[in-house]
N, C-alpha and C. Protein backbone atom coordinates (compact mmCIF):
# COMPACT_ATOMS: atom_id res chain seq x y z
N UNK A 1 -30.22 75.53 143.20
CA UNK A 1 -30.29 76.19 142.41
C UNK A 1 -29.58 77.94 142.52
N UNK A 2 -29.29 78.33 143.19
CA UNK A 2 -28.50 79.18 143.79
C UNK A 2 -27.07 79.25 143.47
N UNK A 3 -26.97 78.27 142.87
CA UNK A 3 -24.98 77.90 143.13
C UNK A 3 -24.80 77.95 141.06
N UNK A 4 -24.98 79.34 140.78
CA UNK A 4 -24.96 78.85 139.40
C UNK A 4 -23.62 78.95 138.95
N UNK A 5 -22.27 79.38 139.79
CA UNK A 5 -20.97 79.51 139.50
C UNK A 5 -20.30 77.94 139.45
N UNK A 6 -21.03 76.95 140.74
CA UNK A 6 -20.61 75.60 140.36
C UNK A 6 -21.28 74.93 139.59
N UNK A 7 -21.92 74.55 138.93
CA UNK A 7 -22.89 74.49 137.79
C UNK A 7 -23.64 75.02 136.85
N UNK A 8 -22.87 75.26 136.10
CA UNK A 8 -23.88 76.66 134.89
C UNK A 8 -24.96 76.11 134.49
N UNK A 9 -25.06 74.60 134.27
CA UNK A 9 -26.08 74.24 133.46
C UNK A 9 -27.22 74.37 134.14
N UNK A 10 -27.06 74.96 135.79
CA UNK A 10 -28.42 75.29 136.04
C UNK A 10 -28.86 76.06 136.47
N UNK A 11 -27.41 76.85 135.93
CA UNK A 11 -27.92 78.69 136.02
C UNK A 11 -28.35 79.07 134.76
N UNK A 12 -28.54 77.95 133.75
CA UNK A 12 -29.31 78.12 132.49
C UNK A 12 -30.70 78.08 132.89
N UNK A 13 -30.49 76.96 133.39
CA UNK A 13 -31.80 76.33 133.50
C UNK A 13 -32.41 77.06 134.67
N UNK A 14 -31.85 77.72 135.62
CA UNK A 14 -32.60 78.24 136.73
C UNK A 14 -32.91 79.84 136.30
N UNK A 15 -32.08 80.26 135.27
CA UNK A 15 -32.26 81.10 134.80
C UNK A 15 -33.81 80.86 134.27
N UNK A 16 -33.94 80.56 133.12
CA UNK A 16 -35.60 79.79 131.98
C UNK A 16 -36.50 80.07 133.08
N UNK A 17 -36.51 79.17 134.11
CA UNK A 17 -37.67 78.85 134.75
C UNK A 17 -37.73 80.70 135.92
N UNK A 18 -36.91 81.22 135.71
CA UNK A 18 -37.53 82.21 136.27
C UNK A 18 -36.45 82.76 137.71
N UNK A 19 -35.95 81.81 137.40
CA UNK A 19 -35.23 81.53 139.56
C UNK A 19 -33.65 82.55 139.33
N UNK A 20 -33.25 83.74 138.88
CA UNK A 20 -31.94 84.63 138.91
C UNK A 20 -31.78 84.70 139.60
N UNK A 21 -32.90 84.86 140.85
CA UNK A 21 -33.17 85.91 142.05
C UNK A 21 -32.75 84.89 143.15
N UNK A 22 -31.69 83.84 143.01
CA UNK A 22 -31.82 82.81 143.96
C UNK A 22 -30.42 83.05 143.72
N UNK A 23 -29.88 84.03 142.92
CA UNK A 23 -28.38 83.97 142.76
C UNK A 23 -28.21 85.37 143.79
N UNK A 24 -28.36 85.83 144.22
CA UNK A 24 -27.87 87.36 145.12
C UNK A 24 -27.96 86.39 146.84
N UNK A 25 -28.69 85.14 146.74
CA UNK A 25 -29.05 84.75 147.69
C UNK A 25 -27.99 83.54 148.45
N UNK A 26 -26.84 83.24 147.13
CA UNK A 26 -25.75 82.47 147.46
C UNK A 26 -24.74 81.82 148.25
N UNK A 27 -24.42 83.11 149.27
CA UNK A 27 -23.98 83.13 150.22
C UNK A 27 -24.77 82.10 151.24
N UNK A 28 -26.10 82.51 151.27
CA UNK A 28 -26.63 82.10 152.52
C UNK A 28 -27.22 81.14 152.59
N UNK A 29 -27.14 80.30 151.11
CA UNK A 29 -27.67 79.22 150.91
C UNK A 29 -26.56 78.44 151.12
N UNK A 30 -24.72 78.50 151.25
CA UNK A 30 -23.69 77.85 151.41
C UNK A 30 -23.56 78.01 153.00
N UNK A 31 -23.23 79.20 153.66
CA UNK A 31 -23.06 79.40 154.58
C UNK A 31 -24.06 78.67 155.99
N UNK A 32 -25.22 78.97 156.02
CA UNK A 32 -26.27 78.96 156.67
C UNK A 32 -27.45 77.70 156.49
N UNK A 33 -27.84 77.41 155.26
CA UNK A 33 -28.33 76.24 154.86
C UNK A 33 -28.29 75.04 154.49
N UNK A 34 -27.08 74.94 154.16
CA UNK A 34 -26.76 73.40 153.83
C UNK A 34 -26.45 73.21 155.66
N UNK A 35 -25.31 74.12 156.38
CA UNK A 35 -25.08 73.55 158.05
C UNK A 35 -25.93 73.03 158.26
N UNK A 36 -27.30 73.42 158.96
CA UNK A 36 -28.49 73.26 158.92
C UNK A 36 -29.32 71.97 158.38
N UNK A 37 -28.86 72.17 157.44
CA UNK A 37 -29.28 70.15 156.69
C UNK A 37 -28.34 69.86 157.34
N UNK A 38 -26.97 69.86 156.68
CA UNK A 38 -26.16 68.44 157.76
C UNK A 38 -25.69 68.85 158.93
N UNK A 39 -26.34 69.23 159.47
CA UNK A 39 -26.79 69.34 161.44
C UNK A 39 -28.09 68.04 161.40
N UNK A 40 -28.67 68.57 160.60
CA UNK A 40 -30.34 66.88 160.88
C UNK A 40 -29.80 66.11 160.09
N UNK A 41 -28.84 66.27 158.94
CA UNK A 41 -28.61 64.59 158.72
C UNK A 41 -27.37 64.27 159.96
N UNK A 42 -26.70 65.06 160.54
CA UNK A 42 -25.60 64.81 161.46
C UNK A 42 -26.34 63.45 162.49
N UNK A 43 -27.74 64.26 162.91
CA UNK A 43 -28.19 63.99 164.94
C UNK A 43 -29.44 62.91 163.70
N UNK A 44 -29.92 62.51 162.79
CA UNK A 44 -30.73 61.86 162.29
C UNK A 44 -29.56 60.62 162.23
N UNK A 45 -28.44 60.33 161.41
CA UNK A 45 -27.29 59.09 161.56
C UNK A 45 -26.53 59.51 162.88
N UNK A 46 -26.84 59.74 163.64
CA UNK A 46 -26.02 59.86 164.81
C UNK A 46 -27.11 59.07 166.09
N UNK A 47 -28.51 58.79 165.86
CA UNK A 47 -28.86 58.36 166.49
C UNK A 47 -29.60 56.72 165.72
N UNK A 48 -29.63 56.89 164.81
CA UNK A 48 -29.58 55.46 163.71
C UNK A 48 -28.66 54.79 164.39
N UNK A 49 -27.40 55.46 164.43
CA UNK A 49 -25.71 54.63 164.68
C UNK A 49 -26.42 53.89 165.72
N UNK A 50 -26.68 54.63 167.51
CA UNK A 50 -26.89 54.70 168.30
C UNK A 50 -27.51 52.96 168.99
N UNK A 51 -28.89 53.38 167.80
CA UNK A 51 -30.11 52.19 167.98
C UNK A 51 -29.49 50.81 166.84
N UNK A 52 -29.14 50.93 165.91
CA UNK A 52 -28.84 49.97 165.73
C UNK A 52 -27.71 49.22 165.42
N UNK A 53 -26.75 50.33 165.93
CA UNK A 53 -25.79 49.46 166.10
C UNK A 53 -24.42 49.53 165.07
N UNK A 54 -24.30 49.34 163.83
CA UNK A 54 -23.93 48.68 162.75
C UNK A 54 -22.61 50.00 162.07
N UNK A 55 -21.87 50.04 162.40
CA UNK A 55 -20.48 50.47 162.70
C UNK A 55 -20.27 51.19 161.31
N UNK A 56 -20.12 50.49 160.05
CA UNK A 56 -19.68 50.84 158.57
C UNK A 56 -21.27 51.80 158.48
N UNK A 57 -22.26 51.56 158.69
CA UNK A 57 -23.19 52.57 158.36
C UNK A 57 -23.28 53.63 158.86
N UNK A 58 -22.85 53.33 160.19
CA UNK A 58 -23.07 55.12 161.03
C UNK A 58 -21.64 56.09 160.63
N UNK A 59 -20.43 54.73 160.64
CA UNK A 59 -19.66 55.59 159.93
C UNK A 59 -19.99 56.79 158.77
N UNK A 60 -19.91 56.31 157.75
CA UNK A 60 -20.56 56.67 156.48
C UNK A 60 -21.36 57.97 156.63
N UNK A 61 -22.64 57.35 157.49
CA UNK A 61 -23.16 58.08 157.57
C UNK A 61 -23.05 59.62 158.62
N UNK A 62 -22.02 59.42 159.74
CA UNK A 62 -21.93 60.43 159.61
C UNK A 62 -20.21 61.31 159.50
N UNK A 63 -20.03 60.88 159.05
CA UNK A 63 -18.94 61.14 158.54
C UNK A 63 -18.34 62.26 157.16
N UNK A 64 -20.37 61.95 156.19
CA UNK A 64 -20.51 63.23 155.33
C UNK A 64 -20.90 64.16 156.39
N UNK A 65 -21.68 64.38 156.83
CA UNK A 65 -22.03 65.42 157.58
C UNK A 65 -20.77 66.61 158.30
N UNK A 66 -20.16 65.56 158.85
CA UNK A 66 -18.98 66.29 159.46
C UNK A 66 -17.94 66.64 158.66
N UNK A 67 -17.76 66.32 157.13
CA UNK A 67 -16.91 66.69 156.03
C UNK A 67 -17.70 68.22 155.72
N UNK A 68 -19.15 67.82 155.24
CA UNK A 68 -19.47 69.18 154.67
C UNK A 68 -19.33 70.78 155.68
N UNK A 69 -19.60 70.51 156.35
CA UNK A 69 -19.63 71.33 158.35
C UNK A 69 -17.82 71.89 157.84
N UNK A 70 -16.35 70.33 157.48
CA UNK A 70 -15.87 71.64 157.42
C UNK A 70 -15.24 71.97 155.84
N UNK A 71 -15.66 71.73 154.92
CA UNK A 71 -16.15 72.43 153.86
C UNK A 71 -15.99 73.70 153.93
N UNK A 72 -17.57 73.96 154.66
CA UNK A 72 -18.16 75.02 155.24
C UNK A 72 -17.36 76.53 155.49
N UNK A 73 -16.74 75.33 156.90
CA UNK A 73 -16.04 76.41 157.71
C UNK A 73 -15.06 77.54 157.03
N UNK A 74 -14.46 77.18 155.79
CA UNK A 74 -13.54 78.68 155.94
C UNK A 74 -14.36 79.31 154.92
N UNK A 75 -15.47 79.18 154.00
CA UNK A 75 -16.67 80.45 153.53
C UNK A 75 -16.92 81.23 155.16
N UNK A 76 -17.63 80.31 155.87
CA UNK A 76 -17.97 80.89 157.03
C UNK A 76 -17.31 82.43 157.87
N UNK A 77 -15.19 81.45 157.32
CA UNK A 77 -14.76 82.68 158.27
C UNK A 77 -13.96 83.15 157.12
N UNK A 78 -14.14 83.19 156.50
CA UNK A 78 -13.86 84.58 155.10
C UNK A 78 -12.58 83.85 155.08
N UNK A 79 -11.84 82.46 154.70
CA UNK A 79 -10.31 82.46 154.63
C UNK A 79 -10.13 82.13 152.98
N UNK A 80 -10.40 82.67 152.61
CA UNK A 80 -9.89 82.67 151.08
C UNK A 80 -8.73 81.77 150.42
N UNK A 81 -7.91 81.37 151.33
CA UNK A 81 -6.70 80.71 150.82
C UNK A 81 -6.56 78.86 150.87
N UNK A 82 -8.31 78.52 151.70
CA UNK A 82 -8.30 77.55 151.35
C UNK A 82 -9.16 76.66 150.89
N UNK A 83 -9.68 77.88 149.71
CA UNK A 83 -11.41 77.69 148.80
C UNK A 83 -10.84 76.18 148.10
N UNK A 84 -9.94 75.78 147.93
CA UNK A 84 -9.87 74.78 146.48
C UNK A 84 -9.77 73.38 147.87
N UNK A 85 -8.83 73.68 148.98
CA UNK A 85 -8.99 72.52 149.82
C UNK A 85 -10.54 72.48 150.74
N UNK A 86 -11.79 73.29 150.78
CA UNK A 86 -12.41 73.37 151.18
C UNK A 86 -13.87 72.44 150.56
N UNK A 87 -14.02 73.35 148.91
CA UNK A 87 -14.22 72.69 147.63
C UNK A 87 -14.27 71.25 147.97
N UNK A 88 -12.97 70.06 147.63
CA UNK A 88 -13.17 68.68 147.82
C UNK A 88 -13.20 68.36 148.50
N UNK A 89 -13.27 68.88 150.25
CA UNK A 89 -13.67 68.31 151.19
C UNK A 89 -15.62 68.41 151.31
N UNK A 90 -15.73 69.67 150.80
CA UNK A 90 -17.33 69.96 150.47
C UNK A 90 -17.90 68.83 149.89
N UNK A 91 -17.56 68.79 148.60
CA UNK A 91 -18.36 68.02 147.89
C UNK A 91 -17.53 66.01 148.35
N UNK A 92 -16.31 65.75 148.75
CA UNK A 92 -16.71 64.89 149.47
C UNK A 92 -17.80 64.05 150.13
N UNK A 93 -18.29 65.56 151.15
CA UNK A 93 -19.02 65.14 152.17
C UNK A 93 -20.35 65.11 151.85
N UNK A 94 -20.74 65.54 150.41
CA UNK A 94 -21.65 65.63 149.93
C UNK A 94 -21.99 64.10 148.91
N UNK A 95 -21.44 63.46 148.27
CA UNK A 95 -20.91 62.23 148.04
C UNK A 95 -20.94 61.07 148.89
N UNK A 96 -20.77 61.24 150.14
CA UNK A 96 -20.56 60.74 151.10
C UNK A 96 -22.38 60.45 151.74
N UNK A 97 -22.78 61.81 152.03
CA UNK A 97 -24.10 61.88 152.09
C UNK A 97 -24.91 61.28 151.38
N UNK A 98 -25.24 61.43 150.01
CA UNK A 98 -25.56 60.66 148.87
C UNK A 98 -25.41 58.64 148.67
N UNK A 99 -24.09 58.59 149.34
CA UNK A 99 -24.04 56.68 149.13
C UNK A 99 -24.87 56.55 150.15
N UNK A 100 -24.67 57.32 151.41
CA UNK A 100 -25.09 56.92 152.59
C UNK A 100 -27.21 56.47 152.51
N UNK A 101 -27.22 57.94 151.90
CA UNK A 101 -28.78 57.55 151.71
C UNK A 101 -29.32 56.86 150.66
N UNK A 102 -28.19 56.08 149.87
CA UNK A 102 -28.45 55.12 148.19
C UNK A 102 -28.94 54.48 149.10
N UNK A 103 -27.11 53.52 149.40
CA UNK A 103 -27.43 52.86 150.92
C UNK A 103 -27.85 52.14 151.85
N UNK A 104 -28.64 53.48 152.11
CA UNK A 104 -29.89 52.86 152.92
C UNK A 104 -31.64 52.85 152.46
N UNK A 105 -30.87 53.60 151.22
CA UNK A 105 -32.68 52.78 150.63
C UNK A 105 -32.91 51.77 149.98
N UNK A 106 -31.29 50.75 149.92
CA UNK A 106 -31.70 49.88 149.03
C UNK A 106 -30.84 48.72 150.00
N UNK A 107 -30.74 48.90 150.61
CA UNK A 107 -30.44 47.83 151.94
C UNK A 107 -31.28 48.15 153.40
N UNK A 108 -32.13 48.42 153.48
CA UNK A 108 -32.54 49.46 154.80
C UNK A 108 -32.14 48.10 156.45
N UNK A 109 -32.09 49.05 157.03
CA UNK A 109 -31.42 47.91 158.51
C UNK A 109 -32.48 47.00 159.21
N UNK A 110 -32.17 46.44 159.12
CA UNK A 110 -33.10 45.53 159.88
C UNK A 110 -33.28 45.55 161.51
N UNK A 111 -33.51 45.83 161.97
CA UNK A 111 -33.79 46.03 163.44
C UNK A 111 -33.43 44.55 164.46
N UNK A 112 -32.67 44.32 164.87
CA UNK A 112 -32.69 43.76 165.80
C UNK A 112 -32.49 43.22 167.72
N UNK A 113 -33.20 42.64 168.06
CA UNK A 113 -34.07 42.06 169.39
C UNK A 113 -32.72 41.43 169.93
N UNK A 114 -33.00 42.28 170.95
CA UNK A 114 -31.56 41.52 171.94
C UNK A 114 -32.35 40.05 173.01
N UNK A 115 -34.15 40.31 172.98
CA UNK A 115 -34.33 39.19 173.23
C UNK A 115 -34.21 37.43 172.37
N UNK A 116 -33.95 36.45 172.68
CA UNK A 116 -34.27 35.41 172.35
C UNK A 116 -36.09 35.29 171.73
N UNK A 117 -36.00 34.60 170.11
CA UNK A 117 -37.45 33.86 170.04
C UNK A 117 -38.33 32.92 170.79
């Protein structure tokens, strides 16, 4: 809700709800909080990939946070010339993270044992 430039409808709703003070924290959200949450998702997806050994699910789960990191990096390094590229990569990573989450909710991973029954 702090990113009013990206989502103008949220700006109106947020201002109505009294969340306009978050606009001053937008840079902190983009450069600090999103990478922290992407790192947590990367570690969690990496651990589940190692445990369950499902290639497609693991690649999708790890690729999303990596793209988010690649998209946030130009903002952290203040490289304005790569802003359009960074936005595309960033939003692609977010979409992959959402797709991975929905896939895991709809079709949860079944544990497979190495020991025969």
